C-alpha atoms as a PDB file:
ATOM      1  CA  MET A   1      75.072 141.010 104.864  1.00  0.00           C
ATOM      2  CA  GLU A   2      78.647 142.998 104.593  1.00  0.00           C
ATOM      3  CA  TYR A   3      81.555 142.464 106.840  1.00  0.00           C
ATOM      4  CA  PHE A   4      84.063 144.287 108.687  1.00  0.00           C
ATOM      5  CA  THR A   5      87.694 144.200 107.185  1.00  0.00           C
ATOM      6  CA  ILE A   6      90.453 146.119 108.480  1.00  0.00           C
ATOM      7  CA  SER A   7      90.088 149.068 106.673  1.00  0.00           C
ATOM      8  CA  ASP A   8      86.835 149.726 107.974  1.00  0.00           C
ATOM      9  CA  ILE A   9      88.211 149.863 111.487  1.00  0.00           C
ATOM     10  CA  SER A  10      90.262 152.983 110.603  1.00  0.00           C
ATOM     11  CA  ASN A  11      88.275 154.197 107.904  1.00  0.00           C
ATOM     12  CA  GLN A  12      84.318 153.708 110.105  1.00  0.00           C
ATOM     13  CA  GLY A  13      82.447 156.617 112.181  1.00  0.00           C
ATOM     14  CA  PHE A  14      82.136 155.401 115.591  1.00  0.00           C
ATOM     15  CA  TYR A  15      81.114 157.593 119.170  1.00  0.00           C
ATOM     16  CA  PRO A  16      83.473 156.279 121.579  1.00  0.00           C
ATOM     17  CA  ILE A  17      81.229 155.506 124.786  1.00  0.00           C
ATOM     18  CA  PRO A  18      84.334 154.306 127.735  1.00  0.00           C
ATOM     19  CA  GLU A  19      82.866 150.946 128.765  1.00  0.00           C
ATOM     20  CA  LYS A  20      84.266 152.301 132.940  1.00  0.00           C
ATOM     21  CA  LEU A  21      80.421 153.625 132.356  1.00  0.00           C
ATOM     22  CA  PHE A  22      78.981 150.515 132.505  1.00  0.00           C
ATOM     23  CA  ASN A  23      78.248 148.961 135.835  1.00  0.00           C
ATOM     24  CA  ASN A  24      80.795 151.270 137.263  1.00  0.00           C
ATOM     25  CA  LYS A  25      79.551 152.042 141.531  1.00  0.00           C
ATOM     26  CA  HIS A  26      80.528 155.561 141.236  1.00  0.00           C
ATOM     27  CA  TYR A  27      77.360 155.729 138.747  1.00  0.00           C
ATOM     28  CA  GLN A  28      75.177 154.003 140.876  1.00  0.00           C
ATOM     29  CA  LYS A  29      73.175 153.952 143.852  1.00  0.00           C
ATOM     30  CA  LYS A  30      71.436 151.454 146.187  1.00  0.00           C
ATOM     31  CA  VAL A  31      67.245 151.530 146.630  1.00  0.00           C
ATOM     32  CA  LYS A  32      65.656 150.102 149.245  1.00  0.00           C
ATOM     33  CA  LYS A  33      62.179 147.786 148.118  1.00  0.00           C
ATOM     34  CA  ILE A  34      59.554 145.623 149.911  1.00  0.00           C
ATOM     35  CA  LYS A  35      59.777 142.231 148.404  1.00  0.00           C
ATOM     36  CA  LYS A  36      56.861 139.981 149.412  1.00  0.00           C
ATOM     37  CA  VAL A  37      57.877 136.074 148.941  1.00  0.00           C
ATOM     38  CA  LYS A  38      56.891 132.546 150.219  1.00  0.00           C
ATOM     39  CA  ASP A  39      58.649 131.564 153.899  1.00  0.00           C
ATOM     40  CA  LYS A  40      56.911 128.326 154.358  1.00  0.00           C
ATOM     41  CA  GLY A  41      54.129 128.506 152.885  1.00  0.00           C
ATOM     42  CA  ALA A  42      53.147 132.035 154.017  1.00  0.00           C
ATOM     43  CA  MET A  43      54.095 135.377 151.861  1.00  0.00           C
ATOM     44  CA  VAL A  44      56.115 137.918 154.130  1.00  0.00           C
ATOM     45  CA  SER A  45      57.089 141.111 153.488  1.00  0.00           C
ATOM     46  CA  LYS A  46      61.153 141.450 153.119  1.00  0.00           C
ATOM     47  CA  GLU A  47      63.554 144.384 152.642  1.00  0.00           C
ATOM     48  CA  ILE A  48      66.049 144.127 150.222  1.00  0.00           C
ATOM     49  CA  VAL A  49      68.891 146.811 148.569  1.00  0.00           C
ATOM     50  CA  THR A  50      68.948 146.461 145.008  1.00  0.00           C
ATOM     51  CA  VAL A  51      71.410 148.523 142.300  1.00  0.00           C
ATOM     52  CA  GLU A  52      70.256 151.015 140.002  1.00  0.00           C
ATOM     53  CA  GLU A  53      71.862 153.359 137.250  1.00  0.00           C
ATOM     54  CA  LEU A  54      72.356 157.382 138.065  1.00  0.00           C
ATOM     55  CA  ILE A  55      72.413 157.743 133.961  1.00  0.00           C
ATOM     56  CA  SER A  56      70.385 156.704 131.262  1.00  0.00           C
ATOM     57  CA  ASP A  57      71.850 154.710 128.648  1.00  0.00           C
ATOM     58  CA  THR A  58      70.771 157.640 126.679  1.00  0.00           C
ATOM     59  CA  SER A  59      72.884 159.591 128.437  1.00  0.00           C
ATOM     60  CA  LYS A  60      75.672 157.455 128.125  1.00  0.00           C
ATOM     61  CA  LEU A  61      75.192 157.698 124.093  1.00  0.00           C
ATOM     62  CA  MET A  62      75.165 161.258 124.844  1.00  0.00           C
ATOM     63  CA  TYR A  63      78.759 161.235 126.913  1.00  0.00           C
ATOM     64  CA  GLY A  64      80.021 159.340 123.340  1.00  0.00           C
ATOM     65  CA  ILE A  65      78.532 161.691 121.455  1.00  0.00           C
ATOM     66  CA  MET A  66      80.077 164.759 123.418  1.00  0.00           C
ATOM     67  CA  SER A  67      83.524 163.205 123.371  1.00  0.00           C
ATOM     68  CA  ARG A  68      83.714 163.078 119.594  1.00  0.00           C
ATOM     69  CA  TYR A  69      83.610 166.216 119.066  1.00  0.00           C
ATOM     70  CA  LEU A  70      86.838 166.602 121.347  1.00  0.00           C
ATOM     71  CA  ASN A  71      89.398 166.937 118.473  1.00  0.00           C
ATOM     72  CA  LEU A  72      86.905 169.174 116.319  1.00  0.00           C
ATOM     73  CA  SER A  73      86.665 171.452 119.293  1.00  0.00           C
ATOM     74  CA  LEU A  74      91.005 171.310 119.806  1.00  0.00           C
ATOM     75  CA  GLN A  75      91.031 172.234 115.813  1.00  0.00           C
ATOM     76  CA  ASN A  76      88.991 175.205 115.989  1.00  0.00           C
ATOM     77  CA  GLY A  77      90.932 176.399 119.214  1.00  0.00           C
ATOM     78  CA  TRP A  78      88.085 175.708 121.989  1.00  0.00           C
ATOM     79  CA  PHE A  79      90.281 175.464 125.181  1.00  0.00           C
ATOM     80  CA  ASP A  80      91.034 177.822 128.082  1.00  0.00           C
ATOM     81  CA  GLU A  81      94.026 179.034 130.150  1.00  0.00           C
ATOM     82  CA  ASP A  82      93.964 175.937 131.940  1.00  0.00           C
ATOM     83  CA  LYS A  83      94.116 173.563 128.301  1.00  0.00           C
ATOM     84  CA  ARG A  84      91.093 172.203 128.902  1.00  0.00           C
ATOM     85  CA  ILE A  85      88.848 171.912 126.458  1.00  0.00           C
ATOM     86  CA  TYR A  86      85.400 172.258 125.700  1.00  0.00           C
ATOM     87  CA  ILE A  87      82.893 171.721 123.196  1.00  0.00           C
ATOM     88  CA  ARG A  88      79.506 174.064 122.072  1.00  0.00           C
ATOM     89  CA  LEU A  89      76.587 171.990 121.167  1.00  0.00           C
ATOM     90  CA  SER A  90      73.137 173.454 121.631  1.00  0.00           C
ATOM     91  CA  VAL A  91      70.079 171.311 122.775  1.00  0.00           C
ATOM     92  CA  THR A  92      68.321 170.826 119.347  1.00  0.00           C
ATOM     93  CA  THR A  93      71.933 169.461 117.474  1.00  0.00           C
ATOM     94  CA  LEU A  94      71.656 166.596 120.760  1.00  0.00           C
ATOM     95  CA  ALA A  95      68.383 165.823 119.974  1.00  0.00           C
ATOM     96  CA  GLN A  96      68.809 165.306 116.279  1.00  0.00           C
ATOM     97  CA  ILE A  97      71.751 162.982 116.612  1.00  0.00           C
ATOM     98  CA  LEU A  98      69.876 161.229 118.902  1.00  0.00           C
ATOM     99  CA  ASN A  99      66.337 161.719 117.422  1.00  0.00           C
ATOM    100  CA  LYS A 100      65.157 162.401 120.900  1.00  0.00           C
ATOM    101  CA  SER A 101      62.694 165.024 122.506  1.00  0.00           C
ATOM    102  CA  LEU A 102      64.324 167.591 123.937  1.00  0.00           C
ATOM    103  CA  ASP A 103      62.802 167.416 127.906  1.00  0.00           C
ATOM    104  CA  THR A 104      64.617 163.698 127.212  1.00  0.00           C
ATOM    105  CA  ILE A 105      68.225 165.564 126.345  1.00  0.00           C
ATOM    106  CA  ILE A 106      68.082 168.026 129.066  1.00  0.00           C
ATOM    107  CA  LYS A 107      67.179 165.688 131.797  1.00  0.00           C
ATOM    108  CA  SER A 108      70.596 163.835 130.215  1.00  0.00           C
ATOM    109  CA  LYS A 109      72.385 166.379 130.536  1.00  0.00           C
ATOM    110  CA  LYS A 110      71.537 166.690 133.970  1.00  0.00           C
ATOM    111  CA  GLN A 111      72.318 163.395 134.921  1.00  0.00           C
ATOM    112  CA  LEU A 112      75.850 163.576 133.144  1.00  0.00           C
ATOM    113  CA  GLU A 113      76.107 166.836 135.573  1.00  0.00           C
ATOM    114  CA  SER A 114      75.503 165.340 138.431  1.00  0.00           C
ATOM    115  CA  VAL A 115      77.829 162.604 138.697  1.00  0.00           C
ATOM    116  CA  GLY A 116      80.737 164.983 137.627  1.00  0.00           C
ATOM    117  CA  LEU A 117      81.235 163.663 134.073  1.00  0.00           C
ATOM    118  CA  LEU A 118      79.856 167.088 132.342  1.00  0.00           C
ATOM    119  CA  LYS A 119      79.705 170.929 133.419  1.00  0.00           C
ATOM    120  CA  ILE A 120      77.778 173.202 131.793  1.00  0.00           C
ATOM    121  CA  VAL A 121      78.288 176.981 130.851  1.00  0.00           C
ATOM    122  CA  LYS A 122      75.915 179.009 129.973  1.00  0.00           C
ATOM    123  CA  THR A 123      76.334 181.552 127.392  1.00  0.00           C
ATOM    124  CA  LYS A 124      73.774 184.391 125.341  1.00  0.00           C
ATOM    125  CA  TYR A 125      74.330 182.094 122.728  1.00  0.00           C
ATOM    126  CA  LYS A 126      71.851 178.918 121.358  1.00  0.00           C
ATOM    127  CA  SER A 127      74.469 176.611 122.666  1.00  0.00           C
ATOM    128  CA  ASP A 128      75.865 176.015 125.638  1.00  0.00           C
ATOM    129  CA  THR A 129      79.555 175.417 126.317  1.00  0.00           C
ATOM    130  CA  PHE A 130      80.506 172.035 127.884  1.00  0.00           C
ATOM    131  CA  TYR A 131      83.100 170.549 129.823  1.00  0.00           C
ATOM    132  CA  LEU A 132      83.339 166.759 129.737  1.00  0.00           C
ATOM    133  CA  GLY A 133      85.031 165.133 132.810  1.00  0.00           C
ATOM    134  CA  LYS A 134      86.951 162.210 133.163  1.00  0.00           C
ATOM    135  CA  VAL A 135      85.037 158.707 133.816  1.00  0.00           C
ATOM    136  CA  LYS A 136      86.152 157.159 136.856  1.00  0.00           C
ATOM    137  CA  ASP A 137      88.027 153.912 137.257  1.00  0.00           C
ATOM    138  CA  LYS A 138      86.171 150.951 138.775  1.00  0.00           C
ATOM    139  CA  PRO A 139      86.495 149.832 142.428  1.00  0.00           C
ATOM    140  CA  LYS A 140      88.951 147.241 142.801  1.00  0.00           C
ATOM    141  CA  GLU A 141      86.773 145.219 144.951  1.00  0.00           C
ATOM    142  CA  ASP A 142      84.401 145.152 142.265  1.00  0.00           C
ATOM    143  CA  ILE A 143      86.426 141.860 140.956  1.00  0.00           C
ATOM    144  CA  SER A 144      86.165 140.022 144.334  1.00  0.00           C
ATOM    145  CA  MET A 145      82.153 141.095 144.633  1.00  0.00           C
ATOM    146  CA  GLU A 146      81.381 139.492 141.322  1.00  0.00           C
ATOM    147  CA  ILE A 147      82.162 136.066 142.852  1.00  0.00           C
ATOM    148  CA  GLU A 148      79.515 136.315 145.328  1.00  0.00           C
ATOM    149  CA  ASN A 149      76.847 137.741 143.015  1.00  0.00           C
ATOM    150  CA  ARG A 150      77.147 135.376 140.453  1.00  0.00           C
ATOM    151  CA  ILE A 151      76.906 132.468 143.129  1.00  0.00           C
ATOM    152  CA  LYS A 152      74.124 134.513 144.637  1.00  0.00           C
ATOM    153  CA  ASP A 153      72.249 134.434 141.104  1.00  0.00           C
ATOM    154  CA  HIS A 154      70.872 130.740 141.882  1.00  0.00           C
ATOM    155  CA  LYS A 155      68.797 131.763 145.308  1.00  0.00           C
ATOM    156  CA  THR A 156      66.550 134.249 144.156  1.00  0.00           C
ATOM    157  CA  LEU A 157      63.017 133.761 145.406  1.00  0.00           C
ATOM    158  CA  GLU A 158      59.665 133.509 144.156  1.00  0.00           C
ATOM    159  CA  LEU A 159      58.800 137.037 143.305  1.00  0.00           C
ATOM    160  CA  GLU A 160      54.935 137.622 144.129  1.00  0.00           C
ATOM    161  CA  SER A 161      54.825 141.329 144.359  1.00  0.00           C
ATOM    162  CA  ILE A 162      57.121 144.299 144.878  1.00  0.00           C
ATOM    163  CA  GLU A 163      56.742 147.944 146.019  1.00  0.00           C
ATOM    164  CA  TYR A 164      58.828 150.382 144.578  1.00  0.00           C
ATOM    165  CA  SER A 165      60.235 153.131 146.025  1.00  0.00           C
ATOM    166  CA  LYS A 166      59.061 156.821 145.112  1.00  0.00           C
ATOM    167  CA  VAL A 167      61.016 158.334 142.213  1.00  0.00           C
ATOM    168  CA  SER A 168      60.356 161.693 141.123  1.00  0.00           C
ATOM    169  CA  ASP A 169      59.548 161.407 137.376  1.00  0.00           C
ATOM    170  CA  GLU A 170      59.411 165.949 137.320  1.00  0.00           C
ATOM    171  CA  VAL A 171      60.883 167.188 134.027  1.00  0.00           C
ATOM    172  CA  LEU A 172      63.985 169.098 135.161  1.00  0.00           C
ATOM    173  CA  GLU A 173      62.900 172.169 132.383  1.00  0.00           C
ATOM    174  CA  SER A 174      59.962 172.993 131.273  1.00  0.00           C
ATOM    175  CA  VAL A 175      60.259 172.239 127.573  1.00  0.00           C
ATOM    176  CA  GLU A 176      57.890 170.861 124.478  1.00  0.00           C
ATOM    177  CA  SER A 177      58.274 166.937 124.080  1.00  0.00           C
ATOM    178  CA  LYS A 178      58.647 166.484 120.394  1.00  0.00           C
ATOM    179  CA  VAL A 179      60.986 164.198 118.258  1.00  0.00           C
ATOM    180  CA  LEU A 180      62.654 166.731 115.847  1.00  0.00           C
ATOM    181  CA  ASP A 181      63.258 166.185 112.437  1.00  0.00           C
ATOM    182  CA  SER A 182      66.093 163.422 111.365  1.00  0.00           C
ATOM    183  CA  ILE A 183      69.212 165.094 110.511  1.00  0.00           C
ATOM    184  CA  GLU A 184      71.042 164.178 107.247  1.00  0.00           C
ATOM    185  CA  PRO A 185      73.877 161.450 108.093  1.00  0.00           C
ATOM    186  CA  ASN A 186      77.689 161.459 107.788  1.00  0.00           C
ATOM    187  CA  ARG A 187      77.621 165.127 109.463  1.00  0.00           C
ATOM    188  CA  ASP A 188      79.793 166.317 112.678  1.00  0.00           C
ATOM    189  CA  MET A 189      77.913 169.609 113.323  1.00  0.00           C
ATOM    190  CA  LEU A 190      79.138 172.399 115.713  1.00  0.00           C
ATOM    191  CA  ILE A 191      78.071 175.312 116.772  1.00  0.00           C
ATOM    192  CA  ARG A 192      79.953 178.800 117.036  1.00  0.00           C
ATOM    193  CA  ASP A 193      78.829 181.193 119.284  1.00  0.00           C
ATOM    194  CA  ASP A 194      75.122 181.699 116.799  1.00  0.00           C
ATOM    195  CA  LYS A 195      76.587 180.096 113.969  1.00  0.00           C
ATOM    196  CA  ARG A 196      76.629 176.913 113.073  1.00  0.00           C
ATOM    197  CA  VAL A 197      79.437 175.353 111.514  1.00  0.00           C
ATOM    198  CA  VAL A 198      78.995 172.485 109.547  1.00  0.00           C
ATOM    199  CA  ALA A 199      81.851 170.097 108.782  1.00  0.00           C
ATOM    200  CA  GLU A 200      81.047 167.717 105.863  1.00  0.00           C
ATOM    201  CA  GLU A 201      83.511 164.421 104.851  1.00  0.00           C
ATOM    202  CA  LYS A 202      83.246 165.114 101.410  1.00  0.00           C
ATOM    203  CA  ASN A 203      85.544 162.536 100.803  1.00  0.00           C
ATOM    204  CA  PRO A 204      86.024 160.139 103.687  1.00  0.00           C
ATOM    205  CA  THR A 205      88.647 158.768 103.010  1.00  0.00           C
ATOM    206  CA  THR A 206      90.775 161.434 103.006  1.00  0.00           C
ATOM    207  CA  ALA A 207      89.396 162.658 105.916  1.00  0.00           C
ATOM    208  CA  SER A 208      89.861 159.913 108.123  1.00  0.00           C
ATOM    209  CA  GLU A 209      93.468 159.921 107.069  1.00  0.00           C
ATOM    210  CA  GLY A 210      93.944 163.658 107.952  1.00  0.00           C
ATOM    211  CA  ASP A 211      92.518 162.570 111.410  1.00  0.00           C
ATOM    212  CA  PHE A 212      94.950 159.889 111.443  1.00  0.00           C
ATOM    213  CA  LEU A 213      97.842 161.537 111.170  1.00  0.00           C
ATOM    214  CA  LYS A 214      96.934 164.567 113.605  1.00  0.00           C
ATOM    215  CA  ASN A 215      95.821 162.084 116.224  1.00  0.00           C
ATOM    216  CA  LEU A 216      99.052 159.991 115.440  1.00  0.00           C
ATOM    217  CA  LYS A 217     101.344 163.745 116.174  1.00  0.00           C
ATOM    218  CA  ASP A 218      99.388 164.225 119.491  1.00  0.00           C
ATOM    219  CA  LEU A 219      99.707 160.975 120.690  1.00  0.00           C
ATOM    220  CA  LEU A 220     104.156 161.025 119.550  1.00  0.00           C
ATOM    221  CA  ILE A 221     104.102 164.944 121.205  1.00  0.00           C
ATOM    222  CA  LYS A 222     102.201 163.117 124.370  1.00  0.00           C
ATOM    223  CA  ASP A 223     104.766 160.524 124.658  1.00  0.00           C
ATOM    224  CA  ASN A 224     107.756 162.659 124.194  1.00  0.00           C
ATOM    225  CA  PHE A 225     109.021 161.246 120.463  1.00  0.00           C
ATOM    226  CA  LYS A 226     111.321 163.769 118.467  1.00  0.00           C
ATOM    227  CA  ASN A 227     112.647 163.759 115.358  1.00  0.00           C
ATOM    228  CA  TYR A 228     109.935 162.363 112.412  1.00  0.00           C
ATOM    229  CA  ASN A 229     109.124 163.831 109.286  1.00  0.00           C
ATOM    230  CA  SER A 230     105.957 162.967 107.596  1.00  0.00           C
ATOM    231  CA  GLN A 231     107.544 160.106 105.647  1.00  0.00           C
ATOM    232  CA  THR A 232     107.750 158.250 108.880  1.00  0.00           C
ATOM    233  CA  LEU A 233     104.367 159.374 110.056  1.00  0.00           C
ATOM    234  CA  LYS A 234     103.115 157.830 106.637  1.00  0.00           C
ATOM    235  CA  ASN A 235     105.244 154.459 107.218  1.00  0.00           C
ATOM    236  CA  ILE A 236     103.747 154.242 111.052  1.00  0.00           C
ATOM    237  CA  LYS A 237     100.144 154.440 109.363  1.00  0.00           C
ATOM    238  CA  ASN A 238     100.848 151.877 106.819  1.00  0.00           C
ATOM    239  CA  TYR A 239     102.276 149.307 109.388  1.00  0.00           C
ATOM    240  CA  SER A 240      99.897 149.810 111.755  1.00  0.00           C
ATOM    241  CA  LYS A 241      97.362 149.464 109.168  1.00  0.00           C
ATOM    242  CA  GLY A 242      95.419 152.524 110.236  1.00  0.00           C
ATOM    243  CA  SER A 243      95.184 151.607 113.767  1.00  0.00           C
ATOM    244  CA  LEU A 244      96.089 154.064 116.687  1.00  0.00           C
ATOM    245  CA  GLU A 245      95.628 151.095 119.224  1.00  0.00           C
ATOM    246  CA  GLU A 246      98.101 149.366 117.734  1.00  0.00           C
ATOM    247  CA  VAL A 247     100.680 152.293 117.982  1.00  0.00           C
ATOM    248  CA  LYS A 248      99.884 152.448 121.409  1.00  0.00           C
ATOM    249  CA  LYS A 249     100.402 149.058 121.869  1.00  0.00           C
ATOM    250  CA  VAL A 250     104.016 149.290 120.451  1.00  0.00           C
ATOM    251  CA  ILE A 251     104.461 152.464 122.509  1.00  0.00           C
ATOM    252  CA  GLU A 252     103.446 150.392 125.733  1.00  0.00           C
ATOM    253  CA  PHE A 253     106.382 147.834 124.561  1.00  0.00           C
ATOM    254  CA  MET A 254     109.076 150.193 124.103  1.00  0.00           C
ATOM    255  CA  LYS A 255     108.409 151.663 127.880  1.00  0.00           C
ATOM    256  CA  LEU A 256     108.148 148.338 128.794  1.00  0.00           C
ATOM    257  CA  LYS A 257     111.069 147.225 127.590  1.00  0.00           C
ATOM    258  CA  ASN A 258     113.188 150.305 128.302  1.00  0.00           C
ATOM    259  CA  LYS A 259     113.402 150.723 124.743  1.00  0.00           C
ATOM    260  CA  ALA A 260     114.736 154.858 123.358  1.00  0.00           C
ATOM    261  CA  ILE A 261     112.005 156.913 122.398  1.00  0.00           C
ATOM    262  CA  ASN A 262     112.592 157.331 118.778  1.00  0.00           C
ATOM    263  CA  SER A 263     110.398 156.942 115.874  1.00  0.00           C
ATOM    264  CA  LYS A 264     112.518 155.097 113.664  1.00  0.00           C
ATOM    265  CA  ILE A 265     112.843 152.085 116.239  1.00  0.00           C
ATOM    266  CA  LEU A 266     108.584 152.870 116.791  1.00  0.00           C
ATOM    267  CA  VAL A 267     108.380 151.760 112.559  1.00  0.00           C
ATOM    268  CA  ALA A 268     110.568 148.992 113.137  1.00  0.00           C
ATOM    269  CA  ILE A 269     108.866 146.929 116.017  1.00  0.00           C
ATOM    270  CA  LEU A 270     105.193 147.884 113.363  1.00  0.00           C
ATOM    271  CA  LYS A 271     107.175 146.274 110.744  1.00  0.00           C
ATOM    272  CA  ASP A 272     108.596 143.252 112.332  1.00  0.00           C
ATOM    273  CA  GLU A 273     105.714 142.970 114.727  1.00  0.00           C
ATOM    274  CA  ASP A 274     107.941 142.458 117.583  1.00  0.00           C
ATOM    275  CA  HIS A 275     105.576 143.660 120.171  1.00  0.00           C
ATOM    276  CA  LYS A 276     103.414 140.275 118.943  1.00  0.00           C
ATOM    277  CA  VAL A 277     105.739 138.150 120.014  1.00  0.00           C
ATOM    278  CA  VAL A 278     104.466 136.125 122.928  1.00  0.00           C
ATOM    279  CA  GLU A 279     106.797 135.922 126.008  1.00  0.00           C
ATOM    280  CA  PRO A 280     106.109 133.778 128.632  1.00  0.00           C
ATOM    281  CA  VAL A 281     104.274 134.524 131.825  1.00  0.00           C
ATOM    282  CA  ASP A 282     105.313 134.505 134.981  1.00  0.00           C
ATOM    283  CA  VAL A 283     102.142 133.988 136.805  1.00  0.00           C
ATOM    284  CA  LYS A 284     103.265 134.710 140.607  1.00  0.00           C
ATOM    285  CA  LYS A 285     103.245 138.403 138.942  1.00  0.00           C
ATOM    286  CA  ILE A 286      99.652 138.486 137.466  1.00  0.00           C
ATOM    287  CA  PRO A 287      97.332 140.069 140.296  1.00  0.00           C
ATOM    288  CA  LYS A 288      95.009 137.638 142.332  1.00  0.00           C
ATOM    289  CA  ALA A 289      91.815 139.407 141.378  1.00  0.00           C
ATOM    290  CA  ASP A 290      93.100 139.563 137.606  1.00  0.00           C
ATOM    291  CA  LYS A 291      93.186 135.466 137.738  1.00  0.00           C
ATOM    292  CA  VAL A 292      89.872 135.385 139.581  1.00  0.00           C
ATOM    293  CA  ALA A 293      88.239 137.046 136.910  1.00  0.00           C
ATOM    294  CA  HIS A 294      90.232 135.584 134.153  1.00  0.00           C
ATOM    295  CA  MET A 295      88.633 131.894 135.642  1.00  0.00           C
ATOM    296  CA  LEU A 296      84.921 133.549 136.196  1.00  0.00           C
ATOM    297  CA  LYS A 297      84.664 133.994 132.198  1.00  0.00           C
ATOM    298  CA  LEU A 298      85.611 130.299 131.868  1.00  0.00           C
ATOM    299  CA  THR A 299      83.359 128.530 134.239  1.00  0.00           C
ATOM    300  CA  THR A 300      79.798 128.149 134.075  1.00  0.00           C
ATOM    301  CA  GLN A 301      77.395 129.038 137.074  1.00  0.00           C
ATOM    302  CA  ASP A 302      76.558 125.319 137.163  1.00  0.00           C
ATOM    303  CA  GLU A 303      80.371 124.816 137.991  1.00  0.00           C
ATOM    304  CA  ILE A 304      80.750 127.298 140.879  1.00  0.00           C
ATOM    305  CA  ASP A 305      77.370 126.501 142.466  1.00  0.00           C
ATOM    306  CA  HIS A 306      79.304 122.229 142.500  1.00  0.00           C
ATOM    307  CA  LEU A 307      82.637 124.075 143.718  1.00  0.00           C
ATOM    308  CA  CYS A 308      80.866 125.888 146.227  1.00  0.00           C
ATOM    309  CA  ASN A 309      78.665 123.152 148.024  1.00  0.00           C
ATOM    310  CA  GLN A 310      82.227 120.851 147.458  1.00  0.00           C
ATOM    311  CA  ILE A 311      84.080 123.783 149.490  1.00  0.00           C
ATOM    312  CA  ALA A 312      82.187 124.274 152.294  1.00  0.00           C
ATOM    313  CA  LYS A 313      81.474 120.411 152.737  1.00  0.00           C
ATOM    314  CA  SER A 314      84.933 119.972 152.960  1.00  0.00           C
ATOM    315  CA  PHE A 315      85.001 122.334 155.758  1.00  0.00           C
ATOM    316  CA  GLY A 316      82.219 120.536 156.884  1.00  0.00           C
ATOM    317  CA  LEU A 317      79.431 123.002 156.456  1.00  0.00           C
ATOM    318  CA  GLU A 318      75.834 122.486 155.258  1.00  0.00           C
ATOM    319  CA  GLU A 319      74.529 122.895 151.680  1.00  0.00           C
ATOM    320  CA  TYR A 320      76.356 126.333 150.565  1.00  0.00           C
ATOM    321  CA  LYS A 321      72.729 128.195 150.051  1.00  0.00           C
ATOM    322  CA  LYS A 322      72.262 127.329 153.873  1.00  0.00           C
ATOM    323  CA  LEU A 323      75.252 129.329 155.122  1.00  0.00           C
ATOM    324  CA  ASN A 324      75.323 132.030 157.223  1.00  0.00           C
ATOM    325  CA  LYS A 325      77.181 135.308 156.325  1.00  0.00           C
ATOM    326  CA  ALA A 326      80.503 134.039 157.941  1.00  0.00           C
ATOM    327  CA  ASP A 327      80.775 130.748 156.660  1.00  0.00           C
ATOM    328  CA  GLU A 328      79.880 132.117 152.995  1.00  0.00           C
ATOM    329  CA  ASN A 329      82.678 134.605 153.580  1.00  0.00           C
ATOM    330  CA  ILE A 330      85.014 131.020 154.253  1.00  0.00           C
ATOM    331  CA  VAL A 331      83.975 129.515 150.982  1.00  0.00           C
ATOM    332  CA  ASN A 332      84.152 132.341 148.989  1.00  0.00           C
ATOM    333  CA  THR A 333      87.857 133.000 149.350  1.00  0.00           C
ATOM    334  CA  GLU A 334      88.711 129.085 149.027  1.00  0.00           C
ATOM    335  CA  LEU A 335      87.148 129.533 145.557  1.00  0.00           C
ATOM    336  CA  GLU A 336      89.009 132.374 144.902  1.00  0.00           C
ATOM    337  CA  ASN A 337      92.111 130.142 145.908  1.00  0.00           C
ATOM    338  CA  VAL A 338      90.985 126.916 143.479  1.00  0.00           C
ATOM    339  CA  PHE A 339      90.363 129.843 140.901  1.00  0.00           C
ATOM    340  CA  CYS A 340      93.855 131.163 141.503  1.00  0.00           C
ATOM    341  CA  ARG A 341      95.132 127.289 141.283  1.00  0.00           C
ATOM    342  CA  ARG A 342      93.497 126.753 138.356  1.00  0.00           C
ATOM    343  CA  TYR A 343      94.591 129.886 136.347  1.00  0.00           C
ATOM    344  CA  ASN A 344      98.316 128.796 137.450  1.00  0.00           C
ATOM    345  CA  ASN A 345      98.098 125.695 135.981  1.00  0.00           C
ATOM    346  CA  LEU A 346      96.447 126.250 133.057  1.00  0.00           C
ATOM    347  CA  LYS A 347      99.413 128.924 132.339  1.00  0.00           C
ATOM    348  CA  ASN A 348     101.856 126.023 133.107  1.00  0.00           C
ATOM    349  CA  LYS A 349     101.070 123.951 130.567  1.00  0.00           C
END
């Protein structure tokens, strides 16, 4: 088994899939279902509401694949008068990359379009023109809801049978369903009009370095850096170990410390690693939701259950799982306070 090293991170090819695509209410829907559960020895029907994803895992992968082509589109000059970048890919190419049938690819395109992550512009050529939409941030209330969801996980009733609501499996477009032959690895494929342009990396290291320097220039321009030359760019690449994310961290550090936006200062901070020096944390400035989310990761479900019962008892209430909604909210609020106090004690040690 070969393990990743630092050099692999900058040279290895990955499809970028935003983490905000996962478990985000903007891309989910609530569905009513009927469950039959035991209640005092008798089976009764109970209506529940579940959450389902509006976009499939294949659609999320497709979004990541399309995102990778944005840089190539920029190099080709594929942007409109509003400077919006578009990409050109055929259904066939996407099916080859994902190793999926044509109707699956078409269905995934429709899913992304329905949630505002893709705009499809039909052309007279084999390939369509696509505009990618930015992924929406998760709602802020998701953090506090995570507490309630984890607390209620242990309350799942014995499941006997389920009547699922009708979900249409209708194919969005009539296309022959078949899996296409696989394509050669390490190729980025683009369609320019009705001609295919294949960019093959004959020297992966050189191509990767070129991509890094170009992306680095774009980042520096975006953040208003001036007066840098090729040697400065090489120094930034060397001291950041070829990591654009590391450069971004330093830029954020410079803004936070109100330092001049100067490429020489950027190089000096990367070289001395000043941005990695850990400073005392002012816990008063950290949002409550962030504290709770951090402590949730460190706390087991059994401990949460125990805390809930302890809190309920301190308020003169019965066992947590028997509480009504109003009393549950009281316990949940106090649980958040407990987590905040624990976080403060942890950081002040």
